[in-house]
Amino acid sequence: MNQALTIRHDLGDVVLRPSGQVNRERLEKMIRSTLDQYLEEDHVPANMVHDAAKRRHGDHYQTAGYYLCLYRQRAGLTQAELAEQTGIRQHHLSEMEHNKRPLGKTNAKKLANILDCDYRKLL
């Protein structure tokens, strides 16, 4: 059985119990490098991200249509594919994404089931 490898770092201690044979020195160097890179990253405040998204999406930002489009893209589906899976016409999905048609609770639940999200985000 391999012994635990403990790496002490400013972000915290990392304890690994490698399964099988590994080059412990190489593994430690790789983990330290990754942790160091994290410390060097520029962290962007959430309000800057939201402001940029609001400028980009305008009045549609954080609406039901915005979330429908976002979740659909996250699922890697086209409107046509989502329409086929839900039985909702593709034209209606387009109108829903552009906030020209309300989703309704029944459609929101149907879509959320396919898109793996909370249906209330789509209302």
PDB file of N, CA and C in Angstrom:
ATOM      1  N   MET A   1       0.845  -1.183   0.000  1.00  0.00           N
ATOM      2  CA  MET A   1       0.000   0.000   0.000  1.00  0.00           C
ATOM      3  C   MET A   1       0.888   1.243   0.000  1.00  0.00           C
ATOM      4  N   ASN A   2       0.546   2.210  -0.839  1.00  0.00           N
ATOM      5  CA  ASN A   2       1.324   3.448  -0.923  1.00  0.00           C
ATOM      6  C   ASN A   2       1.032   4.341   0.273  1.00  0.00           C
ATOM      7  N   GLN A   3       2.060   5.023   0.704  1.00  0.00           N
ATOM      8  CA  GLN A   3       1.900   5.961   1.812  1.00  0.00           C
ATOM      9  C   GLN A   3       1.317   7.265   1.285  1.00  0.00           C
ATOM     10  N   ALA A   4       0.682   7.998   2.186  1.00  0.00           N
ATOM     11  CA  ALA A   4       0.078   9.276   1.828  1.00  0.00           C
ATOM     12  C   ALA A   4       1.163  10.273   1.448  1.00  0.00           C
ATOM     13  N   LEU A   5       0.834  11.111   0.483  1.00  0.00           N
ATOM     14  CA  LEU A   5       1.703  12.200   0.047  1.00  0.00           C
ATOM     15  C   LEU A   5       1.066  13.486   0.556  1.00  0.00           C
ATOM     16  N   THR A   6       1.772  14.217   1.418  1.00  0.00           N
ATOM     17  CA  THR A   6       1.246  15.462   1.967  1.00  0.00           C
ATOM     18  C   THR A   6       2.003  16.630   1.354  1.00  0.00           C
ATOM     19  N   ILE A   7       1.244  17.570   0.795  1.00  0.00           N
ATOM     20  CA  ILE A   7       1.829  18.761   0.178  1.00  0.00           C
ATOM     21  C   ILE A   7       1.323  19.962   0.956  1.00  0.00           C
ATOM     22  N   ARG A   8       2.232  20.717   1.529  1.00  0.00           N
ATOM     23  CA  ARG A   8       1.867  21.918   2.284  1.00  0.00           C
ATOM     24  C   ARG A   8       1.951  23.118   1.336  1.00  0.00           C
ATOM     25  N   HIS A   9       0.886  23.913   1.335  1.00  0.00           N
ATOM     26  CA  HIS A   9       0.818  25.060   0.431  1.00  0.00           C
ATOM     27  C   HIS A   9       0.079  26.189   1.129  1.00  0.00           C
ATOM     28  N   ASP A  10       0.276  27.415   0.641  1.00  0.00           N
ATOM     29  CA  ASP A  10      -0.401  28.572   1.222  1.00  0.00           C
ATOM     30  C   ASP A  10      -1.928  28.425   1.186  1.00  0.00           C
ATOM     31  N   LEU A  11      -2.453  27.759   0.163  1.00  0.00           N
ATOM     32  CA  LEU A  11      -3.900  27.570   0.057  1.00  0.00           C
ATOM     33  C   LEU A  11      -4.421  26.498   1.004  1.00  0.00           C
ATOM     34  N   GLY A  12      -3.535  25.647   1.485  1.00  0.00           N
ATOM     35  CA  GLY A  12      -3.935  24.574   2.387  1.00  0.00           C
ATOM     36  C   GLY A  12      -3.136  23.320   2.101  1.00  0.00           C
ATOM     37  N   ASP A  13      -3.291  22.355   2.953  1.00  0.00           N
ATOM     38  CA  ASP A  13      -2.573  21.105   2.791  1.00  0.00           C
ATOM     39  C   ASP A  13      -3.358  20.173   1.864  1.00  0.00           C
ATOM     40  N   VAL A  14      -2.606  19.456   1.037  1.00  0.00           N
ATOM     41  CA  VAL A  14      -3.191  18.470   0.139  1.00  0.00           C
ATOM     42  C   VAL A  14      -2.634  17.118   0.551  1.00  0.00           C
ATOM     43  N   VAL A  15      -3.516  16.173   0.807  1.00  0.00           N
ATOM     44  CA  VAL A  15      -3.091  14.827   1.187  1.00  0.00           C
ATOM     45  C   VAL A  15      -3.625  13.858   0.146  1.00  0.00           C
ATOM     46  N   LEU A  16      -2.716  13.117  -0.462  1.00  0.00           N
ATOM     47  CA  LEU A  16      -3.076  12.143  -1.492  1.00  0.00           C
ATOM     48  C   LEU A  16      -2.621  10.763  -1.073  1.00  0.00           C
ATOM     49  N   ARG A  17      -3.401   9.804  -1.429  1.00  0.00           N
ATOM     50  CA  ARG A  17      -3.010   8.408  -1.255  1.00  0.00           C
ATOM     51  C   ARG A  17      -3.050   7.772  -2.640  1.00  0.00           C
ATOM     52  N   PRO A  18      -1.961   7.918  -3.395  1.00  0.00           N
ATOM     53  CA  PRO A  18      -1.958   7.438  -4.785  1.00  0.00           C
ATOM     54  C   PRO A  18      -2.195   5.942  -4.867  1.00  0.00           C
ATOM     55  N   SER A  19      -3.023   5.559  -5.807  1.00  0.00           N
ATOM     56  CA  SER A  19      -3.219   4.130  -6.048  1.00  0.00           C
ATOM     57  C   SER A  19      -2.249   3.731  -7.159  1.00  0.00           C
ATOM     58  N   GLY A  20      -1.571   2.654  -6.976  1.00  0.00           N
ATOM     59  CA  GLY A  20      -0.583   2.229  -7.955  1.00  0.00           C
ATOM     60  C   GLY A  20       0.710   3.011  -7.796  1.00  0.00           C
ATOM     61  N   GLN A  21       1.583   2.800  -8.731  1.00  0.00           N
ATOM     62  CA  GLN A  21       2.873   3.478  -8.664  1.00  0.00           C
ATOM     63  C   GLN A  21       2.814   4.790  -9.426  1.00  0.00           C
ATOM     64  N   VAL A  22       3.244   5.851  -8.775  1.00  0.00           N
ATOM     65  CA  VAL A  22       3.317   7.166  -9.411  1.00  0.00           C
ATOM     66  C   VAL A  22       4.658   7.782  -9.059  1.00  0.00           C
ATOM     67  N   ASN A  23       5.081   8.681  -9.900  1.00  0.00           N
ATOM     68  CA  ASN A  23       6.294   9.443  -9.627  1.00  0.00           C
ATOM     69  C   ASN A  23       5.886  10.545  -8.650  1.00  0.00           C
ATOM     70  N   ARG A  24       6.181  10.351  -7.390  1.00  0.00           N
ATOM     71  CA  ARG A  24       5.732  11.254  -6.333  1.00  0.00           C
ATOM     72  C   ARG A  24       6.280  12.663  -6.506  1.00  0.00           C
ATOM     73  N   GLU A  25       7.540  12.780  -6.924  1.00  0.00           N
ATOM     74  CA  GLU A  25       8.146  14.101  -7.115  1.00  0.00           C
ATOM     75  C   GLU A  25       7.432  14.853  -8.241  1.00  0.00           C
ATOM     76  N   ARG A  26       7.150  14.145  -9.324  1.00  0.00           N
ATOM     77  CA  ARG A  26       6.473  14.776 -10.464  1.00  0.00           C
ATOM     78  C   ARG A  26       5.052  15.187 -10.062  1.00  0.00           C
ATOM     79  N   LEU A  27       4.347  14.309  -9.360  1.00  0.00           N
ATOM     80  CA  LEU A  27       3.000  14.601  -8.903  1.00  0.00           C
ATOM     81  C   LEU A  27       2.980  15.823  -7.989  1.00  0.00           C
ATOM     82  N   GLU A  28       3.893  15.878  -7.045  1.00  0.00           N
ATOM     83  CA  GLU A  28       3.962  17.014  -6.126  1.00  0.00           C
ATOM     84  C   GLU A  28       4.258  18.304  -6.883  1.00  0.00           C
ATOM     85  N   LYS A  29       5.185  18.252  -7.833  1.00  0.00           N
ATOM     86  CA  LYS A  29       5.541  19.441  -8.624  1.00  0.00           C
ATOM     87  C   LYS A  29       4.326  19.929  -9.416  1.00  0.00           C
ATOM     88  N   MET A  30       3.577  18.994 -10.007  1.00  0.00           N
ATOM     89  CA  MET A  30       2.408  19.356 -10.804  1.00  0.00           C
ATOM     90  C   MET A  30       1.332  20.008  -9.920  1.00  0.00           C
ATOM     91  N   ILE A  31       1.090  19.458  -8.751  1.00  0.00           N
ATOM     92  CA  ILE A  31       0.066  20.007  -7.851  1.00  0.00           C
ATOM     93  C   ILE A  31       0.490  21.378  -7.334  1.00  0.00           C
ATOM     94  N   ARG A  32       1.755  21.508  -6.941  1.00  0.00           N
ATOM     95  CA  ARG A  32       2.235  22.824  -6.486  1.00  0.00           C
ATOM     96  C   ARG A  32       2.098  23.874  -7.589  1.00  0.00           C
ATOM     97  N   SER A  33       2.459  23.502  -8.806  1.00  0.00           N
ATOM     98  CA  SER A  33       2.365  24.425  -9.935  1.00  0.00           C
ATOM     99  C   SER A  33       0.921  24.876 -10.153  1.00  0.00           C
ATOM    100  N   THR A  34      -0.016  23.942 -10.079  1.00  0.00           N
ATOM    101  CA  THR A  34      -1.437  24.269 -10.257  1.00  0.00           C
ATOM    102  C   THR A  34      -1.925  25.197  -9.152  1.00  0.00           C
ATOM    103  N   LEU A  35      -1.556  24.915  -7.918  1.00  0.00           N
ATOM    104  CA  LEU A  35      -1.960  25.772  -6.803  1.00  0.00           C
ATOM    105  C   LEU A  35      -1.337  27.162  -6.919  1.00  0.00           C
ATOM    106  N   ASP A  36      -0.082  27.232  -7.352  1.00  0.00           N
ATOM    107  CA  ASP A  36       0.573  28.526  -7.546  1.00  0.00           C
ATOM    108  C   ASP A  36      -0.126  29.331  -8.636  1.00  0.00           C
ATOM    109  N   GLN A  37      -0.524  28.666  -9.722  1.00  0.00           N
ATOM    110  CA  GLN A  37      -1.222  29.358 -10.809  1.00  0.00           C
ATOM    111  C   GLN A  37      -2.545  29.932 -10.316  1.00  0.00           C
ATOM    112  N   TYR A  38      -3.226  29.189  -9.475  1.00  0.00           N
ATOM    113  CA  TYR A  38      -4.489  29.678  -8.932  1.00  0.00           C
ATOM    114  C   TYR A  38      -4.270  30.966  -8.140  1.00  0.00           C
ATOM    115  N   LEU A  39      -3.204  31.009  -7.356  1.00  0.00           N
ATOM    116  CA  LEU A  39      -2.915  32.208  -6.569  1.00  0.00           C
ATOM    117  C   LEU A  39      -2.604  33.405  -7.455  1.00  0.00           C
ATOM    118  N   GLU A  40      -2.034  33.147  -8.638  1.00  0.00           N
ATOM    119  CA  GLU A  40      -1.634  34.228  -9.537  1.00  0.00           C
ATOM    120  C   GLU A  40      -2.774  34.713 -10.416  1.00  0.00           C
ATOM    121  N   GLU A  41      -3.885  33.975 -10.482  1.00  0.00           N
ATOM    122  CA  GLU A  41      -5.002  34.356 -11.334  1.00  0.00           C
ATOM    123  C   GLU A  41      -5.619  35.666 -10.889  1.00  0.00           C
ATOM    124  N   ASP A  42      -6.109  36.398 -11.870  1.00  0.00           N
ATOM    125  CA  ASP A  42      -6.869  37.601 -11.560  1.00  0.00           C
ATOM    126  C   ASP A  42      -8.294  37.173 -11.235  1.00  0.00           C
ATOM    127  N   HIS A  43      -8.781  37.587 -10.102  1.00  0.00           N
ATOM    128  CA  HIS A  43     -10.138  37.266  -9.703  1.00  0.00           C
ATOM    129  C   HIS A  43     -11.014  38.469 -10.017  1.00  0.00           C
ATOM    130  N   VAL A  44     -12.094  38.216 -10.744  1.00  0.00           N
ATOM    131  CA  VAL A  44     -12.984  39.276 -11.194  1.00  0.00           C
ATOM    132  C   VAL A  44     -14.204  39.309 -10.278  1.00  0.00           C
ATOM    133  N   PRO A  45     -14.531  40.480  -9.743  1.00  0.00           N
ATOM    134  CA  PRO A  45     -15.712  40.585  -8.879  1.00  0.00           C
ATOM    135  C   PRO A  45     -16.993  40.234  -9.648  1.00  0.00           C
ATOM    136  N   ALA A  46     -17.933  39.586  -8.981  1.00  0.00           N
ATOM    137  CA  ALA A  46     -19.172  39.142  -9.611  1.00  0.00           C
ATOM    138  C   ALA A  46     -19.952  40.301 -10.222  1.00  0.00           C
ATOM    139  N   ASN A  47     -19.929  41.471  -9.570  1.00  0.00           N
ATOM    140  CA  ASN A  47     -20.703  42.597 -10.115  1.00  0.00           C
ATOM    141  C   ASN A  47     -20.162  43.049 -11.471  1.00  0.00           C
ATOM    142  N   MET A  48     -18.863  42.881 -11.718  1.00  0.00           N
ATOM    143  CA  MET A  48     -18.299  43.220 -13.028  1.00  0.00           C
ATOM    144  C   MET A  48     -18.809  42.252 -14.088  1.00  0.00           C
ATOM    145  N   VAL A  49     -18.897  40.972 -13.735  1.00  0.00           N
ATOM    146  CA  VAL A  49     -19.398  39.965 -14.674  1.00  0.00           C
ATOM    147  C   VAL A  49     -20.862  40.246 -14.992  1.00  0.00           C
ATOM    148  N   HIS A  50     -21.675  40.531 -13.965  1.00  0.00           N
ATOM    149  CA  HIS A  50     -23.090  40.821 -14.179  1.00  0.00           C
ATOM    150  C   HIS A  50     -23.280  42.091 -14.999  1.00  0.00           C
ATOM    151  N   ASP A  51     -22.482  43.111 -14.741  1.00  0.00           N
ATOM    152  CA  ASP A  51     -22.594  44.359 -15.504  1.00  0.00           C
ATOM    153  C   ASP A  51     -22.289  44.117 -16.982  1.00  0.00           C
ATOM    154  N   ALA A  52     -21.256  43.336 -17.257  1.00  0.00           N
ATOM    155  CA  ALA A  52     -20.887  43.033 -18.645  1.00  0.00           C
ATOM    156  C   ALA A  52     -21.984  42.216 -19.322  1.00  0.00           C
ATOM    157  N   ALA A  53     -22.552  41.252 -18.607  1.00  0.00           N
ATOM    158  CA  ALA A  53     -23.625  40.430 -19.170  1.00  0.00           C
ATOM    159  C   ALA A  53     -24.872  41.270 -19.429  1.00  0.00           C
ATOM    160  N   LYS A  54     -25.169  42.185 -18.526  1.00  0.00           N
ATOM    161  CA  LYS A  54     -26.337  43.054 -18.706  1.00  0.00           C
ATOM    162  C   LYS A  54     -26.161  43.956 -19.924  1.00  0.00           C
ATOM    163  N   ARG A  55     -24.950  44.476 -20.112  1.00  0.00           N
ATOM    164  CA  ARG A  55     -24.685  45.298 -21.306  1.00  0.00           C
ATOM    165  C   ARG A  55     -24.849  44.466 -22.574  1.00  0.00           C
ATOM    166  N   ARG A  56     -24.392  43.225 -22.512  1.00  0.00           N
ATOM    167  CA  ARG A  56     -24.440  42.361 -23.698  1.00  0.00           C
ATOM    168  C   ARG A  56     -25.860  41.928 -24.027  1.00  0.00           C
ATOM    169  N   HIS A  57     -26.646  41.577 -23.004  1.00  0.00           N
ATOM    170  CA  HIS A  57     -27.976  41.018 -23.228  1.00  0.00           C
ATOM    171  C   HIS A  57     -29.097  42.028 -23.052  1.00  0.00           C
ATOM    172  N   GLY A  58     -28.786  43.199 -22.541  1.00  0.00           N
ATOM    173  CA  GLY A  58     -29.784  44.250 -22.392  1.00  0.00           C
ATOM    174  C   GLY A  58     -30.953  43.846 -21.517  1.00  0.00           C
ATOM    175  N   ASP A  59     -32.150  44.189 -21.961  1.00  0.00           N
ATOM    176  CA  ASP A  59     -33.355  43.941 -21.170  1.00  0.00           C
ATOM    177  C   ASP A  59     -33.672  42.457 -21.015  1.00  0.00           C
ATOM    178  N   HIS A  60     -33.055  41.602 -21.831  1.00  0.00           N
ATOM    179  CA  HIS A  60     -33.329  40.169 -21.756  1.00  0.00           C
ATOM    180  C   HIS A  60     -32.502  39.468 -20.677  1.00  0.00           C
ATOM    181  N   TYR A  61     -31.563  40.192 -20.071  1.00  0.00           N
ATOM    182  CA  TYR A  61     -30.684  39.579 -19.077  1.00  0.00           C
ATOM    183  C   TYR A  61     -31.478  39.097 -17.874  1.00  0.00           C
ATOM    184  N   GLN A  62     -31.275  37.867 -17.502  1.00  0.00           N
ATOM    185  CA  GLN A  62     -31.898  37.194 -16.354  1.00  0.00           C
ATOM    186  C   GLN A  62     -33.421  37.117 -16.458  1.00  0.00           C
ATOM    187  N   THR A  63     -33.935  37.016 -17.678  1.00  0.00           N
ATOM    188  CA  THR A  63     -35.361  36.771 -17.881  1.00  0.00           C
ATOM    189  C   THR A  63     -35.558  35.277 -18.108  1.00  0.00           C
ATOM    190  N   ALA A  64     -36.812  34.856 -18.166  1.00  0.00           N
ATOM    191  CA  ALA A  64     -37.100  33.443 -18.422  1.00  0.00           C
ATOM    192  C   ALA A  64     -36.504  33.004 -19.765  1.00  0.00           C
ATOM    193  N   GLY A  65     -36.622  33.840 -20.775  1.00  0.00           N
ATOM    194  CA  GLY A  65     -36.066  33.514 -22.092  1.00  0.00           C
ATOM    195  C   GLY A  65     -34.554  33.410 -22.068  1.00  0.00           C
ATOM    196  N   TYR A  66     -33.923  34.284 -21.313  1.00  0.00           N
ATOM    197  CA  TYR A  66     -32.460  34.260 -21.166  1.00  0.00           C
ATOM    198  C   TYR A  66     -32.022  32.921 -20.572  1.00  0.00           C
ATOM    199  N   TYR A  67     -32.704  32.503 -19.498  1.00  0.00           N
ATOM    200  CA  TYR A  67     -32.346  31.243 -18.852  1.00  0.00           C
ATOM    201  C   TYR A  67     -32.663  30.046 -19.737  1.00  0.00           C
ATOM    202  N   LEU A  68     -33.762  30.092 -20.465  1.00  0.00           N
ATOM    203  CA  LEU A  68     -34.100  28.993 -21.373  1.00  0.00           C
ATOM    204  C   LEU A  68     -32.993  28.808 -22.407  1.00  0.00           C
ATOM    205  N   CYS A  69     -32.565  29.896 -23.002  1.00  0.00           N
ATOM    206  CA  CYS A  69     -31.481  29.840 -23.998  1.00  0.00           C
ATOM    207  C   CYS A  69     -30.184  29.341 -23.350  1.00  0.00           C
ATOM    208  N   LEU A  70     -29.878  29.853 -22.191  1.00  0.00           N
ATOM    209  CA  LEU A  70     -28.653  29.481 -21.489  1.00  0.00           C
ATOM    210  C   LEU A  70     -28.634  27.984 -21.158  1.00  0.00           C
ATOM    211  N   TYR A  71     -29.724  27.484 -20.603  1.00  0.00           N
ATOM    212  CA  TYR A  71     -29.795  26.065 -20.241  1.00  0.00           C
ATOM    213  C   TYR A  71     -29.802  25.173 -21.490  1.00  0.00           C
ATOM    214  N   ARG A  72     -30.459  25.617 -22.549  1.00  0.00           N
ATOM    215  CA  ARG A  72     -30.478  24.843 -23.792  1.00  0.00           C
ATOM    216  C   ARG A  72     -29.072  24.724 -24.361  1.00  0.00           C
ATOM    217  N   GLN A  73     -28.340  25.840 -24.380  1.00  0.00           N
ATOM    218  CA  GLN A  73     -26.969  25.824 -24.889  1.00  0.00           C
ATOM    219  C   GLN A  73     -26.072  24.973 -23.995  1.00  0.00           C
ATOM    220  N   ARG A  74     -26.272  25.056 -22.680  1.00  0.00           N
ATOM    221  CA  ARG A  74     -25.491  24.239 -21.748  1.00  0.00           C
ATOM    222  C   ARG A  74     -25.713  22.755 -22.013  1.00  0.00           C
ATOM    223  N   ALA A  75     -26.933  22.395 -22.390  1.00  0.00           N
ATOM    224  CA  ALA A  75     -27.262  21.001 -22.682  1.00  0.00           C
ATOM    225  C   ALA A  75     -26.767  20.578 -24.064  1.00  0.00           C
ATOM    226  N   GLY A  76     -26.270  21.544 -24.844  1.00  0.00           N
ATOM    227  CA  GLY A  76     -25.748  21.229 -26.176  1.00  0.00           C
ATOM    228  C   GLY A  76     -26.846  20.900 -27.177  1.00  0.00           C
ATOM    229  N   LEU A  77     -28.021  21.511 -27.000  1.00  0.00           N
ATOM    230  CA  LEU A  77     -29.153  21.238 -27.876  1.00  0.00           C
ATOM    231  C   LEU A  77     -29.482  22.438 -28.750  1.00  0.00           C
ATOM    232  N   THR A  78     -29.928  22.167 -29.965  1.00  0.00           N
ATOM    233  CA  THR A  78     -30.471  23.225 -30.808  1.00  0.00           C
ATOM    234  C   THR A  78     -31.941  23.387 -30.440  1.00  0.00           C
ATOM    235  N   GLN A  79     -32.548  24.454 -30.910  1.00  0.00           N
ATOM    236  CA  GLN A  79     -33.977  24.631 -30.657  1.00  0.00           C
ATOM    237  C   GLN A  79     -34.768  23.490 -31.285  1.00  0.00           C
ATOM    238  N   ALA A  80     -34.355  23.054 -32.469  1.00  0.00           N
ATOM    239  CA  ALA A  80     -35.058  21.959 -33.154  1.00  0.00           C
ATOM    240  C   ALA A  80     -34.969  20.667 -32.344  1.00  0.00           C
ATOM    241  N   GLU A  81     -33.798  20.383 -31.787  1.00  0.00           N
ATOM    242  CA  GLU A  81     -33.631  19.167 -30.985  1.00  0.00           C
ATOM    243  C   GLU A  81     -34.472  19.233 -29.710  1.00  0.00           C
ATOM    244  N   LEU A  82     -34.480  20.409 -29.079  1.00  0.00           N
ATOM    245  CA  LEU A  82     -35.276  20.577 -27.866  1.00  0.00           C
ATOM    246  C   LEU A  82     -36.760  20.469 -28.191  1.00  0.00           C
ATOM    247  N   ALA A  83     -37.158  21.020 -29.317  1.00  0.00           N
ATOM    248  CA  ALA A  83     -38.563  20.931 -29.745  1.00  0.00           C
ATOM    249  C   ALA A  83     -38.967  19.476 -29.943  1.00  0.00           C
ATOM    250  N   GLU A  84     -38.107  18.698 -30.560  1.00  0.00           N
ATOM    251  CA  GLU A  84     -38.402  17.283 -30.795  1.00  0.00           C
ATOM    252  C   GLU A  84     -38.543  16.519 -29.473  1.00  0.00           C
ATOM    253  N   GLN A  85     -37.683  16.829 -28.525  1.00  0.00           N
ATOM    254  CA  GLN A  85     -37.702  16.115 -27.242  1.00  0.00           C
ATOM    255  C   GLN A  85     -38.879  16.506 -26.353  1.00  0.00           C
ATOM    256  N   THR A  86     -39.356  17.742 -26.493  1.00  0.00           N
ATOM    257  CA  THR A  86     -40.424  18.231 -25.611  1.00  0.00           C
ATOM    258  C   THR A  86     -41.801  18.238 -26.259  1.00  0.00           C
ATOM    259  N   GLY A  87     -41.834  18.203 -27.585  1.00  0.00           N
ATOM    260  CA  GLY A  87     -43.115  18.312 -28.273  1.00  0.00           C
ATOM    261  C   GLY A  87     -43.595  19.744 -28.409  1.00  0.00           C
ATOM    262  N   ILE A  88     -42.746  20.702 -28.055  1.00  0.00           N
ATOM    263  CA  ILE A  88     -43.067  22.124 -28.209  1.00  0.00           C
ATOM    264  C   ILE A  88     -42.503  22.571 -29.558  1.00  0.00           C
ATOM    265  N   ARG A  89     -43.305  23.272 -30.339  1.00  0.00           N
ATOM    266  CA  ARG A  89     -42.854  23.691 -31.672  1.00  0.00           C
ATOM    267  C   ARG A  89     -41.609  24.581 -31.563  1.00  0.00           C
ATOM    268  N   GLN A  90     -40.686  24.385 -32.506  1.00  0.00           N
ATOM    269  CA  GLN A  90     -39.423  25.140 -32.508  1.00  0.00           C
ATOM    270  C   GLN A  90     -39.688  26.635 -32.587  1.00  0.00           C
ATOM    271  N   HIS A  91     -40.669  27.032 -33.375  1.00  0.00           N
ATOM    272  CA  HIS A  91     -41.018  28.448 -33.505  1.00  0.00           C
ATOM    273  C   HIS A  91     -41.438  29.015 -32.149  1.00  0.00           C
ATOM    274  N   HIS A  92     -42.165  28.229 -31.378  1.00  0.00           N
ATOM    275  CA  HIS A  92     -42.594  28.683 -30.053  1.00  0.00           C
ATOM    276  C   HIS A  92     -41.404  28.786 -29.101  1.00  0.00           C
ATOM    277  N   LEU A  93     -40.465  27.840 -29.192  1.00  0.00           N
ATOM    278  CA  LEU A  93     -39.257  27.929 -28.367  1.00  0.00           C
ATOM    279  C   LEU A  93     -38.482  29.208 -28.667  1.00  0.00           C
ATOM    280  N   SER A  94     -38.376  29.537 -29.945  1.00  0.00           N
ATOM    281  CA  SER A  94     -37.682  30.771 -30.338  1.00  0.00           C
ATOM    282  C   SER A  94     -38.369  31.990 -29.719  1.00  0.00           C
ATOM    283  N   GLU A  95     -39.693  32.015 -29.797  1.00  0.00           N
ATOM    284  CA  GLU A  95     -40.439  33.136 -29.205  1.00  0.00           C
ATOM    285  C   GLU A  95     -40.253  33.184 -27.687  1.00  0.00           C
ATOM    286  N   MET A  96     -40.196  32.017 -27.052  1.00  0.00           N
ATOM    287  CA  MET A  96     -39.985  31.965 -25.606  1.00  0.00           C
ATOM    288  C   MET A  96     -38.597  32.500 -25.250  1.00  0.00           C
ATOM    289  N   GLU A  97     -37.579  32.111 -26.021  1.00  0.00           N
ATOM    290  CA  GLU A  97     -36.225  32.583 -25.750  1.00  0.00           C
ATOM    291  C   GLU A  97     -36.090  34.084 -25.947  1.00  0.00           C
ATOM    292  N   HIS A  98     -36.898  34.645 -26.829  1.00  0.00           N
ATOM    293  CA  HIS A  98     -36.847  36.091 -27.077  1.00  0.00           C
ATOM    294  C   HIS A  98     -37.908  36.847 -26.283  1.00  0.00           C
ATOM    295  N   ASN A  99     -38.481  36.169 -25.284  1.00  0.00           N
ATOM    296  CA  ASN A  99     -39.458  36.771 -24.379  1.00  0.00           C
ATOM    297  C   ASN A  99     -40.676  37.341 -25.106  1.00  0.00           C
ATOM    298  N   LYS A 100     -41.041  36.730 -26.225  1.00  0.00           N
ATOM    299  CA  LYS A 100     -42.231  37.151 -26.959  1.00  0.00           C
ATOM    300  C   LYS A 100     -43.417  36.245 -26.655  1.00  0.00           C
ATOM    301  N   ARG A 101     -43.148  35.143 -25.941  1.00  0.00           N
ATOM    302  CA  ARG A 101     -44.195  34.185 -25.587  1.00  0.00           C
ATOM    303  C   ARG A 101     -43.892  33.673 -24.188  1.00  0.00           C
ATOM    304  N   PRO A 102     -44.883  33.685 -23.299  1.00  0.00           N
ATOM    305  CA  PRO A 102     -44.636  33.134 -21.956  1.00  0.00           C
ATOM    306  C   PRO A 102     -44.512  31.609 -22.035  1.00  0.00           C
ATOM    307  N   LEU A 103     -43.720  31.049 -21.119  1.00  0.00           N
ATOM    308  CA  LEU A 103     -43.522  29.604 -21.132  1.00  0.00           C
ATOM    309  C   LEU A 103     -44.698  28.863 -20.505  1.00  0.00           C
ATOM    310  N   GLY A 104     -45.213  29.366 -19.424  1.00  0.00           N
ATOM    311  CA  GLY A 104     -46.270  28.669 -18.696  1.00  0.00           C
ATOM    312  C   GLY A 104     -45.666  27.565 -17.842  1.00  0.00           C
ATOM    313  N   LYS A 105     -46.358  27.233 -16.783  1.00  0.00           N
ATOM    314  CA  LYS A 105     -45.839  26.273 -15.812  1.00  0.00           C
ATOM    315  C   LYS A 105     -45.666  24.873 -16.416  1.00  0.00           C
ATOM    316  N   THR A 106     -46.618  24.436 -17.223  1.00  0.00           N
ATOM    317  CA  THR A 106     -46.542  23.099 -17.827  1.00  0.00           C
ATOM    318  C   THR A 106     -45.326  22.984 -18.737  1.00  0.00           C
ATOM    319  N   ASN A 107     -45.143  23.958 -19.628  1.00  0.00           N
ATOM    320  CA  ASN A 107     -43.984  23.936 -20.525  1.00  0.00           C
ATOM    321  C   ASN A 107     -42.679  24.101 -19.750  1.00  0.00           C
ATOM    322  N   ALA A 108     -42.688  24.948 -18.733  1.00  0.00           N
ATOM    323  CA  ALA A 108     -41.479  25.163 -17.936  1.00  0.00           C
ATOM    324  C   ALA A 108     -41.034  23.853 -17.291  1.00  0.00           C
ATOM    325  N   LYS A 109     -41.977  23.092 -16.760  1.00  0.00           N
ATOM    326  CA  LYS A 109     -41.634  21.807 -16.138  1.00  0.00           C
ATOM    327  C   LYS A 109     -41.129  20.814 -17.173  1.00  0.00           C
ATOM    328  N   LYS A 110     -41.769  20.794 -18.334  1.00  0.00           N
ATOM    329  CA  LYS A 110     -41.355  19.901 -19.410  1.00  0.00           C
ATOM    330  C   LYS A 110     -39.925  20.226 -19.863  1.00  0.00           C
ATOM    331  N   LEU A 111     -39.643  21.512 -20.048  1.00  0.00           N
ATOM    332  CA  LEU A 111     -38.319  21.968 -20.483  1.00  0.00           C
ATOM    333  C   LEU A 111     -37.273  21.722 -19.401  1.00  0.00           C
ATOM    334  N   ALA A 112     -37.623  22.021 -18.163  1.00  0.00           N
ATOM    335  CA  ALA A 112     -36.671  21.845 -17.058  1.00  0.00           C
ATOM    336  C   ALA A 112     -36.276  20.392 -16.898  1.00  0.00           C
ATOM    337  N   ASN A 113     -37.209  19.497 -17.151  1.00  0.00           N
ATOM    338  CA  ASN A 113     -36.917  18.070 -17.052  1.00  0.00           C
ATOM    339  C   ASN A 113     -35.852  17.667 -18.080  1.00  0.00           C
ATOM    340  N   ILE A 114     -35.958  18.167 -19.281  1.00  0.00           N
ATOM    341  CA  ILE A 114     -34.986  17.856 -20.347  1.00  0.00           C
ATOM    342  C   ILE A 114     -33.674  18.601 -20.099  1.00  0.00           C
ATOM    343  N   LEU A 115     -33.754  19.852 -19.640  1.00  0.00           N
ATOM    344  CA  LEU A 115     -32.566  20.703 -19.491  1.00  0.00           C
ATOM    345  C   LEU A 115     -31.895  20.571 -18.134  1.00  0.00           C
ATOM    346  N   ASP A 116     -32.450  19.754 -17.269  1.00  0.00           N
ATOM    347  CA  ASP A 116     -31.874  19.504 -15.941  1.00  0.00           C
ATOM    348  C   ASP A 116     -31.660  20.808 -15.169  1.00  0.00           C
ATOM    349  N   CYS A 117     -32.758  21.533 -14.972  1.00  0.00           N
ATOM    350  CA  CYS A 117     -32.702  22.785 -14.216  1.00  0.00           C
ATOM    351  C   CYS A 117     -33.988  22.933 -13.413  1.00  0.00           C
ATOM    352  N   ASP A 118     -34.044  23.943 -12.581  1.00  0.00           N
ATOM    353  CA  ASP A 118     -35.222  24.235 -11.771  1.00  0.00           C
ATOM    354  C   ASP A 118     -36.237  24.959 -12.653  1.00  0.00           C
ATOM    355  N   TYR A 119     -37.442  24.409 -12.773  1.00  0.00           N
ATOM    356  CA  TYR A 119     -38.450  24.989 -13.671  1.00  0.00           C
ATOM    357  C   TYR A 119     -38.798  26.428 -13.292  1.00  0.00           C
ATOM    358  N   ARG A 120     -38.619  26.778 -12.015  1.00  0.00           N
ATOM    359  CA  ARG A 120     -38.980  28.137 -11.581  1.00  0.00           C
ATOM    360  C   ARG A 120     -38.090  29.203 -12.220  1.00  0.00           C
ATOM    361  N   LYS A 121     -36.878  28.825 -12.661  1.00  0.00           N
ATOM    362  CA  LYS A 121     -36.016  29.793 -13.372  1.00  0.00           C
ATOM    363  C   LYS A 121     -36.610  30.160 -14.729  1.00  0.00           C
ATOM    364  N   LEU A 122     -37.506  29.298 -15.229  1.00  0.00           N
ATOM    365  CA  LEU A 122     -38.072  29.507 -16.554  1.00  0.00           C
ATOM    366  C   LEU A 122     -39.427  30.217 -16.518  1.00  0.00           C
ATOM    367  N   LEU A 123     -39.832  30.644 -15.337  1.00  0.00           N
ATOM    368  CA  LEU A 123     -41.125  31.342 -15.212  1.00  0.00           C
ATOM    369  C   LEU A 123     -40.931  32.829 -15.046  1.00  0.00           C
TER     370      LEU A 123
END
